[in-house]
Amino acid sequence: MPGIAFVGIGGTLIAFLLFVWGVQRVRAERASIAATLEPVLAGLVAWLWLGESLSPSQIFGGALVLGAVIALYAHTPPQLAE
């Protein structure tokens, strides 16, 4: 039972609070872009640490997400006229 509580609190509440804290420190756009990396990083950790195998389509999907994140970070939004 303590393990279930730890996963529920550590995996959900603490992660959410850290995300909210991070959004307060950086712009929301940047935080949401970085949040899209979560599945890719989870797959990478599962492959490296847990020995999971990734299919070619999963690797391709991860590469697409990484490419989109890089493109979004490189794009500078236009300045609004005041």
PDB file of N, CA and C in Angstrom:
ATOM      1  N   MET A   1       0.805  -1.205   0.000  1.00  0.00           N
ATOM      2  CA  MET A   1       0.000   0.000   0.000  1.00  0.00           C
ATOM      3  C   MET A   1       0.853   1.276   0.000  1.00  0.00           C
ATOM      4  N   PRO A   2       1.955   1.327   0.778  1.00  0.00           N
ATOM      5  CA  PRO A   2       2.782   2.546   0.720  1.00  0.00           C
ATOM      6  C   PRO A   2       3.378   2.773  -0.669  1.00  0.00           C
ATOM      7  N   GLY A   3       3.672   1.689  -1.394  1.00  0.00           N
ATOM      8  CA  GLY A   3       4.214   1.844  -2.747  1.00  0.00           C
ATOM      9  C   GLY A   3       3.213   2.469  -3.695  1.00  0.00           C
ATOM     10  N   ILE A   4       1.959   2.075  -3.562  1.00  0.00           N
ATOM     11  CA  ILE A   4       0.916   2.643  -4.406  1.00  0.00           C
ATOM     12  C   ILE A   4       0.740   4.124  -4.097  1.00  0.00           C
ATOM     13  N   ALA A   5       0.759   4.462  -2.810  1.00  0.00           N
ATOM     14  CA  ALA A   5       0.623   5.867  -2.418  1.00  0.00           C
ATOM     15  C   ALA A   5       1.803   6.681  -2.944  1.00  0.00           C
ATOM     16  N   PHE A   6       2.999   6.114  -2.883  1.00  0.00           N
ATOM     17  CA  PHE A   6       4.173   6.825  -3.379  1.00  0.00           C
ATOM     18  C   PHE A   6       4.072   7.079  -4.884  1.00  0.00           C
ATOM     19  N   VAL A   7       3.638   6.062  -5.633  1.00  0.00           N
ATOM     20  CA  VAL A   7       3.503   6.236  -7.078  1.00  0.00           C
ATOM     21  C   VAL A   7       2.433   7.280  -7.387  1.00  0.00           C
ATOM     22  N   GLY A   8       1.339   7.220  -6.654  1.00  0.00           N
ATOM     23  CA  GLY A   8       0.270   8.192  -6.881  1.00  0.00           C
ATOM     24  C   GLY A   8       0.689   9.603  -6.549  1.00  0.00           C
ATOM     25  N   ILE A   9       1.364   9.765  -5.435  1.00  0.00           N
ATOM     26  CA  ILE A   9       1.781  11.106  -5.016  1.00  0.00           C
ATOM     27  C   ILE A   9       3.018  11.553  -5.797  1.00  0.00           C
ATOM     28  N   GLY A  10       4.023  10.706  -5.857  1.00  0.00           N
ATOM     29  CA  GLY A  10       5.263  11.086  -6.533  1.00  0.00           C
ATOM     30  C   GLY A  10       5.105  11.216  -8.032  1.00  0.00           C
ATOM     31  N   GLY A  11       4.334  10.299  -8.620  1.00  0.00           N
ATOM     32  CA  GLY A  11       4.200  10.311 -10.063  1.00  0.00           C
ATOM     33  C   GLY A  11       3.180  11.300 -10.592  1.00  0.00           C
ATOM     34  N   THR A  12       2.291  11.739  -9.733  1.00  0.00           N
ATOM     35  CA  THR A  12       1.243  12.638 -10.194  1.00  0.00           C
ATOM     36  C   THR A  12       1.334  14.003  -9.540  1.00  0.00           C
ATOM     37  N   LEU A  13       1.177  14.054  -8.254  1.00  0.00           N
ATOM     38  CA  LEU A  13       1.113  15.330  -7.552  1.00  0.00           C
ATOM     39  C   LEU A  13       2.431  16.091  -7.625  1.00  0.00           C
ATOM     40  N   ILE A  14       3.520  15.425  -7.287  1.00  0.00           N
ATOM     41  CA  ILE A  14       4.816  16.112  -7.290  1.00  0.00           C
ATOM     42  C   ILE A  14       5.188  16.550  -8.706  1.00  0.00           C
ATOM     43  N   ALA A  15       4.961  15.665  -9.687  1.00  0.00           N
ATOM     44  CA  ALA A  15       5.276  16.026 -11.071  1.00  0.00           C
ATOM     45  C   ALA A  15       4.435  17.218 -11.535  1.00  0.00           C
ATOM     46  N   PHE A  16       3.159  17.237 -11.188  1.00  0.00           N
ATOM     47  CA  PHE A  16       2.297  18.354 -11.575  1.00  0.00           C
ATOM     48  C   PHE A  16       2.742  19.650 -10.904  1.00  0.00           C
ATOM     49  N   LEU A  17       3.074  19.576  -9.619  1.00  0.00           N
ATOM     50  CA  LEU A  17       3.527  20.774  -8.912  1.00  0.00           C
ATOM     51  C   LEU A  17       4.831  21.305  -9.489  1.00  0.00           C
ATOM     52  N   LEU A  18       5.737  20.413  -9.857  1.00  0.00           N
ATOM     53  CA  LEU A  18       6.983  20.845 -10.481  1.00  0.00           C
ATOM     54  C   LEU A  18       6.728  21.475 -11.846  1.00  0.00           C
ATOM     55  N   PHE A  19       5.766  20.925 -12.597  1.00  0.00           N
ATOM     56  CA  PHE A  19       5.423  21.520 -13.894  1.00  0.00           C
ATOM     57  C   PHE A  19       4.853  22.917 -13.716  1.00  0.00           C
ATOM     58  N   VAL A  20       3.956  23.087 -12.763  1.00  0.00           N
ATOM     59  CA  VAL A  20       3.365  24.406 -12.509  1.00  0.00           C
ATOM     60  C   VAL A  20       4.446  25.390 -12.070  1.00  0.00           C
ATOM     61  N   TRP A  21       5.348  24.961 -11.212  1.00  0.00           N
ATOM     62  CA  TRP A  21       6.459  25.813 -10.766  1.00  0.00           C
ATOM     63  C   TRP A  21       7.321  26.211 -11.961  1.00  0.00           C
ATOM     64  N   GLY A  22       7.579  25.253 -12.868  1.00  0.00           N
ATOM     65  CA  GLY A  22       8.388  25.555 -14.042  1.00  0.00           C
ATOM     66  C   GLY A  22       7.711  26.538 -14.974  1.00  0.00           C
ATOM     67  N   VAL A  23       6.393  26.415 -15.141  1.00  0.00           N
ATOM     68  CA  VAL A  23       5.657  27.350 -15.992  1.00  0.00           C
ATOM     69  C   VAL A  23       5.736  28.759 -15.430  1.00  0.00           C
ATOM     70  N   GLN A  24       5.751  28.887 -14.121  1.00  0.00           N
ATOM     71  CA  GLN A  24       5.873  30.203 -13.507  1.00  0.00           C
ATOM     72  C   GLN A  24       7.250  30.814 -13.776  1.00  0.00           C
ATOM     73  N   ARG A  25       8.246  29.979 -13.956  1.00  0.00           N
ATOM     74  CA  ARG A  25       9.609  30.477 -14.141  1.00  0.00           C
ATOM     75  C   ARG A  25       9.937  30.773 -15.601  1.00  0.00           C
ATOM     76  N   VAL A  26       9.291  30.097 -16.535  1.00  0.00           N
ATOM     77  CA  VAL A  26       9.512  30.342 -17.962  1.00  0.00           C
ATOM     78  C   VAL A  26       8.166  30.644 -18.604  1.00  0.00           C
ATOM     79  N   ARG A  27       8.189  31.074 -19.838  1.00  0.00           N
ATOM     80  CA  ARG A  27       6.937  31.352 -20.540  1.00  0.00           C
ATOM     81  C   ARG A  27       6.159  30.059 -20.762  1.00  0.00           C
ATOM     82  N   ALA A  28       4.852  30.164 -20.770  1.00  0.00           N
ATOM     83  CA  ALA A  28       3.988  28.992 -20.926  1.00  0.00           C
ATOM     84  C   ALA A  28       4.223  28.287 -22.259  1.00  0.00           C
ATOM     85  N   GLU A  29       4.523  29.054 -23.307  1.00  0.00           N
ATOM     86  CA  GLU A  29       4.758  28.439 -24.610  1.00  0.00           C
ATOM     87  C   GLU A  29       5.949  27.497 -24.558  1.00  0.00           C
ATOM     88  N   ARG A  30       7.018  27.962 -23.930  1.00  0.00           N
ATOM     89  CA  ARG A  30       8.228  27.135 -23.828  1.00  0.00           C
ATOM     90  C   ARG A  30       7.987  25.911 -22.963  1.00  0.00           C
ATOM     91  N   ALA A  31       7.238  26.083 -21.900  1.00  0.00           N
ATOM     92  CA  ALA A  31       6.949  24.952 -21.011  1.00  0.00           C
ATOM     93  C   ALA A  31       6.106  23.901 -21.718  1.00  0.00           C
ATOM     94  N   SER A  32       5.137  24.327 -22.502  1.00  0.00           N
ATOM     95  CA  SER A  32       4.286  23.358 -23.204  1.00  0.00           C
ATOM     96  C   SER A  32       5.067  22.637 -24.295  1.00  0.00           C
ATOM     97  N   ILE A  33       5.984  23.336 -24.937  1.00  0.00           N
ATOM     98  CA  ILE A  33       6.828  22.678 -25.938  1.00  0.00           C
ATOM     99  C   ILE A  33       7.708  21.636 -25.262  1.00  0.00           C
ATOM    100  N   ALA A  34       8.302  21.995 -24.146  1.00  0.00           N
ATOM    101  CA  ALA A  34       9.160  21.053 -23.427  1.00  0.00           C
ATOM    102  C   ALA A  34       8.368  19.864 -22.902  1.00  0.00           C
ATOM    103  N   ALA A  35       7.105  20.082 -22.554  1.00  0.00           N
ATOM    104  CA  ALA A  35       6.278  18.986 -22.040  1.00  0.00           C
ATOM    105  C   ALA A  35       6.021  17.930 -23.102  1.00  0.00           C
ATOM    106  N   THR A  36       6.097  18.301 -24.380  1.00  0.00           N
ATOM    107  CA  THR A  36       5.899  17.308 -25.437  1.00  0.00           C
ATOM    108  C   THR A  36       7.057  16.323 -25.509  1.00  0.00           C
ATOM    109  N   LEU A  37       8.160  16.634 -24.869  1.00  0.00           N
ATOM    110  CA  LEU A  37       9.298  15.721 -24.842  1.00  0.00           C
ATOM    111  C   LEU A  37       9.106  14.566 -23.865  1.00  0.00           C
ATOM    112  N   GLU A  38       8.112  14.649 -23.005  1.00  0.00           N
ATOM    113  CA  GLU A  38       7.916  13.626 -21.973  1.00  0.00           C
ATOM    114  C   GLU A  38       7.807  12.209 -22.545  1.00  0.00           C
ATOM    115  N   PRO A  39       6.960  11.944 -23.552  1.00  0.00           N
ATOM    116  CA  PRO A  39       6.887  10.571 -24.065  1.00  0.00           C
ATOM    117  C   PRO A  39       8.188  10.101 -24.714  1.00  0.00           C
ATOM    118  N   VAL A  40       8.875  11.011 -25.373  1.00  0.00           N
ATOM    119  CA  VAL A  40      10.134  10.637 -26.009  1.00  0.00           C
ATOM    120  C   VAL A  40      11.175  10.275 -24.954  1.00  0.00           C
ATOM    121  N   LEU A  41      11.267  11.086 -23.907  1.00  0.00           N
ATOM    122  CA  LEU A  41      12.222  10.791 -22.845  1.00  0.00           C
ATOM    123  C   LEU A  41      11.841   9.522 -22.088  1.00  0.00           C
ATOM    124  N   ALA A  42      10.546   9.281 -21.899  1.00  0.00           N
ATOM    125  CA  ALA A  42      10.107   8.046 -21.247  1.00  0.00           C
ATOM    126  C   ALA A  42      10.506   6.830 -22.074  1.00  0.00           C
ATOM    127  N   GLY A  43      10.346   6.918 -23.389  1.00  0.00           N
ATOM    128  CA  GLY A  43      10.770   5.824 -24.256  1.00  0.00           C
ATOM    129  C   GLY A  43      12.276   5.615 -24.231  1.00  0.00           C
ATOM    130  N   LEU A  44      13.023   6.705 -24.200  1.00  0.00           N
ATOM    131  CA  LEU A  44      14.483   6.606 -24.141  1.00  0.00           C
ATOM    132  C   LEU A  44      14.943   5.968 -22.833  1.00  0.00           C
ATOM    133  N   VAL A  45      14.349   6.379 -21.727  1.00  0.00           N
ATOM    134  CA  VAL A  45      14.702   5.794 -20.425  1.00  0.00           C
ATOM    135  C   VAL A  45      14.325   4.314 -20.393  1.00  0.00           C
ATOM    136  N   ALA A  46      13.146   3.974 -20.926  1.00  0.00           N
ATOM    137  CA  ALA A  46      12.725   2.573 -20.960  1.00  0.00           C
ATOM    138  C   ALA A  46      13.677   1.734 -21.803  1.00  0.00           C
ATOM    139  N   TRP A  47      14.180   2.305 -22.882  1.00  0.00           N
ATOM    140  CA  TRP A  47      15.112   1.575 -23.737  1.00  0.00           C
ATOM    141  C   TRP A  47      16.476   1.410 -23.054  1.00  0.00           C
ATOM    142  N   LEU A  48      16.997   2.508 -22.473  1.00  0.00           N
ATOM    143  CA  LEU A  48      18.322   2.452 -21.857  1.00  0.00           C
ATOM    144  C   LEU A  48      18.327   1.698 -20.529  1.00  0.00           C
ATOM    145  N   TRP A  49      17.378   2.013 -19.678  1.00  0.00           N
ATOM    146  CA  TRP A  49      17.407   1.526 -18.303  1.00  0.00           C
ATOM    147  C   TRP A  49      16.691   0.191 -18.143  1.00  0.00           C
ATOM    148  N   LEU A  50      15.574   0.027 -18.821  1.00  0.00           N
ATOM    149  CA  LEU A  50      14.761  -1.170 -18.629  1.00  0.00           C
ATOM    150  C   LEU A  50      14.950  -2.213 -19.727  1.00  0.00           C
ATOM    151  N   GLY A  51      15.717  -1.870 -20.747  1.00  0.00           N
ATOM    152  CA  GLY A  51      15.986  -2.822 -21.812  1.00  0.00           C
ATOM    153  C   GLY A  51      14.799  -3.065 -22.736  1.00  0.00           C
ATOM    154  N   GLU A  52      13.871  -2.149 -22.794  1.00  0.00           N
ATOM    155  CA  GLU A  52      12.720  -2.274 -23.684  1.00  0.00           C
ATOM    156  C   GLU A  52      13.176  -2.100 -25.127  1.00  0.00           C
ATOM    157  N   SER A  53      12.458  -2.746 -26.031  1.00  0.00           N
ATOM    158  CA  SER A  53      12.783  -2.566 -27.445  1.00  0.00           C
ATOM    159  C   SER A  53      11.790  -1.592 -28.061  1.00  0.00           C
ATOM    160  N   LEU A  54      12.273  -0.795 -28.988  1.00  0.00           N
ATOM    161  CA  LEU A  54      11.441   0.185 -29.677  1.00  0.00           C
ATOM    162  C   LEU A  54      11.285  -0.245 -31.130  1.00  0.00           C
ATOM    163  N   SER A  55      10.062  -0.139 -31.617  1.00  0.00           N
ATOM    164  CA  SER A  55       9.816  -0.473 -33.022  1.00  0.00           C
ATOM    165  C   SER A  55      10.301   0.683 -33.899  1.00  0.00           C
ATOM    166  N   PRO A  56      10.521   0.410 -35.176  1.00  0.00           N
ATOM    167  CA  PRO A  56      10.936   1.502 -36.073  1.00  0.00           C
ATOM    168  C   PRO A  56       9.935   2.656 -36.101  1.00  0.00           C
ATOM    169  N   SER A  57       8.646   2.352 -36.015  1.00  0.00           N
ATOM    170  CA  SER A  57       7.659   3.437 -36.033  1.00  0.00           C
ATOM    171  C   SER A  57       7.736   4.272 -34.757  1.00  0.00           C
ATOM    172  N   GLN A  58       8.062   3.652 -33.622  1.00  0.00           N
ATOM    173  CA  GLN A  58       8.232   4.413 -32.382  1.00  0.00           C
ATOM    174  C   GLN A  58       9.465   5.319 -32.464  1.00  0.00           C
ATOM    175  N   ILE A  59      10.533   4.808 -33.019  1.00  0.00           N
ATOM    176  CA  ILE A  59      11.748   5.603 -33.182  1.00  0.00           C
ATOM    177  C   ILE A  59      11.482   6.761 -34.146  1.00  0.00           C
ATOM    178  N   PHE A  60      10.764   6.492 -35.235  1.00  0.00           N
ATOM    179  CA  PHE A  60      10.421   7.534 -36.196  1.00  0.00           C
ATOM    180  C   PHE A  60       9.536   8.598 -35.546  1.00  0.00           C
ATOM    181  N   GLY A  61       8.560   8.173 -34.764  1.00  0.00           N
ATOM    182  CA  GLY A  61       7.686   9.116 -34.060  1.00  0.00           C
ATOM    183  C   GLY A  61       8.457   9.978 -33.084  1.00  0.00           C
ATOM    184  N   GLY A  62       9.389   9.369 -32.345  1.00  0.00           N
ATOM    185  CA  GLY A  62      10.226  10.135 -31.427  1.00  0.00           C
ATOM    186  C   GLY A  62      11.086  11.144 -32.157  1.00  0.00           C
ATOM    187  N   ALA A  63      11.607  10.742 -33.317  1.00  0.00           N
ATOM    188  CA  ALA A  63      12.414  11.676 -34.115  1.00  0.00           C
ATOM    189  C   ALA A  63      11.562  12.838 -34.623  1.00  0.00           C
ATOM    190  N   LEU A  64      10.311  12.555 -35.000  1.00  0.00           N
ATOM    191  CA  LEU A  64       9.419  13.631 -35.435  1.00  0.00           C
ATOM    192  C   LEU A  64       9.137  14.607 -34.299  1.00  0.00           C
ATOM    193  N   VAL A  65       8.901  14.085 -33.101  1.00  0.00           N
ATOM    194  CA  VAL A  65       8.651  14.959 -31.948  1.00  0.00           C
ATOM    195  C   VAL A  65       9.877  15.812 -31.662  1.00  0.00           C
ATOM    196  N   LEU A  66      11.063  15.196 -31.663  1.00  0.00           N
ATOM    197  CA  LEU A  66      12.290  15.961 -31.430  1.00  0.00           C
ATOM    198  C   LEU A  66      12.482  17.033 -32.497  1.00  0.00           C
ATOM    199  N   GLY A  67      12.219  16.691 -33.755  1.00  0.00           N
ATOM    200  CA  GLY A  67      12.337  17.672 -34.823  1.00  0.00           C
ATOM    201  C   GLY A  67      11.365  18.827 -34.652  1.00  0.00           C
ATOM    202  N   ALA A  68      10.133  18.516 -34.244  1.00  0.00           N
ATOM    203  CA  ALA A  68       9.144  19.570 -34.020  1.00  0.00           C
ATOM    204  C   ALA A  68       9.549  20.476 -32.866  1.00  0.00           C
ATOM    205  N   VAL A  69      10.071  19.888 -31.796  1.00  0.00           N
ATOM    206  CA  VAL A  69      10.505  20.695 -30.645  1.00  0.00           C
ATOM    207  C   VAL A  69      11.657  21.603 -31.039  1.00  0.00           C
ATOM    208  N   ILE A  70      12.602  21.079 -31.780  1.00  0.00           N
ATOM    209  CA  ILE A  70      13.739  21.897 -32.221  1.00  0.00           C
ATOM    210  C   ILE A  70      13.253  23.024 -33.128  1.00  0.00           C
ATOM    211  N   ALA A  71      12.331  22.718 -34.037  1.00  0.00           N
ATOM    212  CA  ALA A  71      11.807  23.749 -34.942  1.00  0.00           C
ATOM    213  C   ALA A  71      11.039  24.816 -34.163  1.00  0.00           C
ATOM    214  N   LEU A  72      10.267  24.414 -33.171  1.00  0.00           N
ATOM    215  CA  LEU A  72       9.507  25.387 -32.391  1.00  0.00           C
ATOM    216  C   LEU A  72      10.412  26.253 -31.528  1.00  0.00           C
ATOM    217  N   TYR A  73      11.469  25.673 -30.969  1.00  0.00           N
ATOM    218  CA  TYR A  73      12.405  26.469 -30.182  1.00  0.00           C
ATOM    219  C   TYR A  73      13.186  27.440 -31.056  1.00  0.00           C
ATOM    220  N   ALA A  74      13.471  27.038 -32.291  1.00  0.00           N
ATOM    221  CA  ALA A  74      14.244  27.906 -33.180  1.00  0.00           C
ATOM    222  C   ALA A  74      13.385  29.043 -33.738  1.00  0.00           C
ATOM    223  N   HIS A  75      12.074  28.831 -33.790  1.00  0.00           N
ATOM    224  CA  HIS A  75      11.164  29.847 -34.338  1.00  0.00           C
ATOM    225  C   HIS A  75      10.971  30.971 -33.323  1.00  0.00           C
ATOM    226  N   THR A  76      11.193  32.182 -33.764  1.00  0.00           N
ATOM    227  CA  THR A  76      10.944  33.326 -32.888  1.00  0.00           C
ATOM    228  C   THR A  76       9.622  33.952 -33.269  1.00  0.00           C
ATOM    229  N   PRO A  77       8.717  34.082 -32.324  1.00  0.00           N
ATOM    230  CA  PRO A  77       7.406  34.658 -32.649  1.00  0.00           C
ATOM    231  C   PRO A  77       7.530  36.126 -33.027  1.00  0.00           C
ATOM    232  N   PRO A  78       6.647  36.604 -33.900  1.00  0.00           N
ATOM    233  CA  PRO A  78       6.699  38.030 -34.278  1.00  0.00           C
ATOM    234  C   PRO A  78       6.309  38.901 -33.097  1.00  0.00           C
ATOM    235  N   GLN A  79       6.923  40.057 -33.020  1.00  0.00           N
ATOM    236  CA  GLN A  79       6.623  40.986 -31.944  1.00  0.00           C
ATOM    237  C   GLN A  79       5.313  41.722 -32.260  1.00  0.00           C
ATOM    238  N   LEU A  80       4.488  41.864 -31.264  1.00  0.00           N
ATOM    239  CA  LEU A  80       3.228  42.581 -31.442  1.00  0.00           C
ATOM    240  C   LEU A  80       3.470  44.091 -31.449  1.00  0.00           C
ATOM    241  N   ALA A  81       2.782  44.779 -32.325  1.00  0.00           N
ATOM    242  CA  ALA A  81       2.914  46.237 -32.377  1.00  0.00           C
ATOM    243  C   ALA A  81       2.168  46.866 -31.199  1.00  0.00           C
ATOM    244  N   GLU A  82       2.797  47.827 -30.603  1.00  0.00           N
ATOM    245  CA  GLU A  82       2.177  48.480 -29.435  1.00  0.00           C
ATOM    246  C   GLU A  82       1.522  49.773 -29.831  1.00  0.00           C
TER     247      GLU A  82
END
